[in-house]
């Protein structure tokens, strides 16, 4: 049976390798589409906020 120190060390090494390997992957089409969707959603949110401000200004008579 492995000693706890070796088990913990092996787990840490495996975790570090997984992190390193996942950072090397290129951006795929799904991730790019997700980023574009996030940007579009943000723009729509900004436009809705501006429209709300315009409505409030119109209600105040500005």
Protein backbone atom coordinates (compact mmCIF):
# COMPACT_ATOMS: atom_id res chain seq x y z
CA UNK A 1 0.00 0.00 0.00
CA UNK A 2 1.22 3.54 -0.77
CA UNK A 3 2.12 5.92 2.01
CA UNK A 4 -0.18 8.94 2.41
CA UNK A 5 2.67 11.30 1.48
CA UNK A 6 3.19 9.55 -1.84
CA UNK A 7 -0.52 9.51 -2.55
CA UNK A 8 -0.85 13.24 -1.86
CA UNK A 9 2.25 13.98 -3.91
CA UNK A 10 0.98 11.93 -6.83
CA UNK A 11 -2.41 13.69 -6.66
CA UNK A 12 -0.72 17.11 -6.68
CA UNK A 13 1.44 16.20 -9.66
CA UNK A 14 -1.56 14.86 -11.59
CA UNK A 15 -3.55 18.02 -10.79
CA UNK A 16 -0.71 20.25 -11.98
CA UNK A 17 -0.42 18.28 -15.22
CA UNK A 18 -4.16 18.54 -15.86
CA UNK A 19 -4.10 22.30 -15.32
CA UNK A 20 -1.09 22.69 -17.59
CA UNK A 21 -2.64 20.60 -20.35
CA UNK A 22 -6.01 22.33 -20.21
CA UNK A 23 -4.33 25.73 -20.59
CA UNK A 24 -2.71 24.62 -23.87
CA UNK A 25 -5.91 23.89 -25.75
CA UNK A 26 -6.89 26.16 -28.60
CA UNK A 27 -10.21 27.95 -28.55
CA UNK A 28 -12.81 25.86 -30.31
CA UNK A 29 -15.84 26.98 -32.31
CA UNK A 30 -18.22 26.48 -29.39
CA UNK A 31 -16.12 28.66 -27.10
CA UNK A 32 -15.87 31.36 -29.79
CA UNK A 33 -19.64 31.25 -30.30
CA UNK A 34 -20.13 31.54 -26.55
CA UNK A 35 -17.92 34.62 -26.40
CA UNK A 36 -19.82 36.21 -29.27
CA UNK A 37 -23.10 35.45 -27.53
CA UNK A 38 -21.80 37.03 -24.32
CA UNK A 39 -20.79 40.17 -26.21
CA UNK A 40 -24.15 40.40 -27.97
CA UNK A 41 -26.00 39.93 -24.68
CA UNK A 42 -23.93 42.66 -23.07
CA UNK A 43 -24.70 45.07 -25.93
CA UNK A 44 -28.43 44.33 -25.68
CA UNK A 45 -28.29 44.93 -21.92
CA UNK A 46 -26.62 48.28 -22.44
CA UNK A 47 -29.24 49.27 -25.02
CA UNK A 48 -32.06 48.27 -22.68
CA UNK A 49 -30.49 50.29 -19.88
CA UNK A 50 -30.18 53.33 -22.17
CA UNK A 51 -33.79 52.95 -23.27
CA UNK A 52 -34.87 52.83 -19.63
CA UNK A 53 -32.91 56.01 -18.90
CA UNK A 54 -34.50 57.70 -21.92
CA UNK A 55 -37.97 56.70 -20.71
CA UNK A 56 -37.25 58.08 -17.24
CA UNK A 57 -35.95 61.33 -18.72
CA UNK A 58 -39.05 61.63 -20.91
CA UNK A 59 -41.30 61.01 -17.91
CA UNK A 60 -39.53 63.78 -15.98
CA UNK A 61 -39.92 66.16 -18.91
CA UNK A 62 -36.22 66.57 -19.68
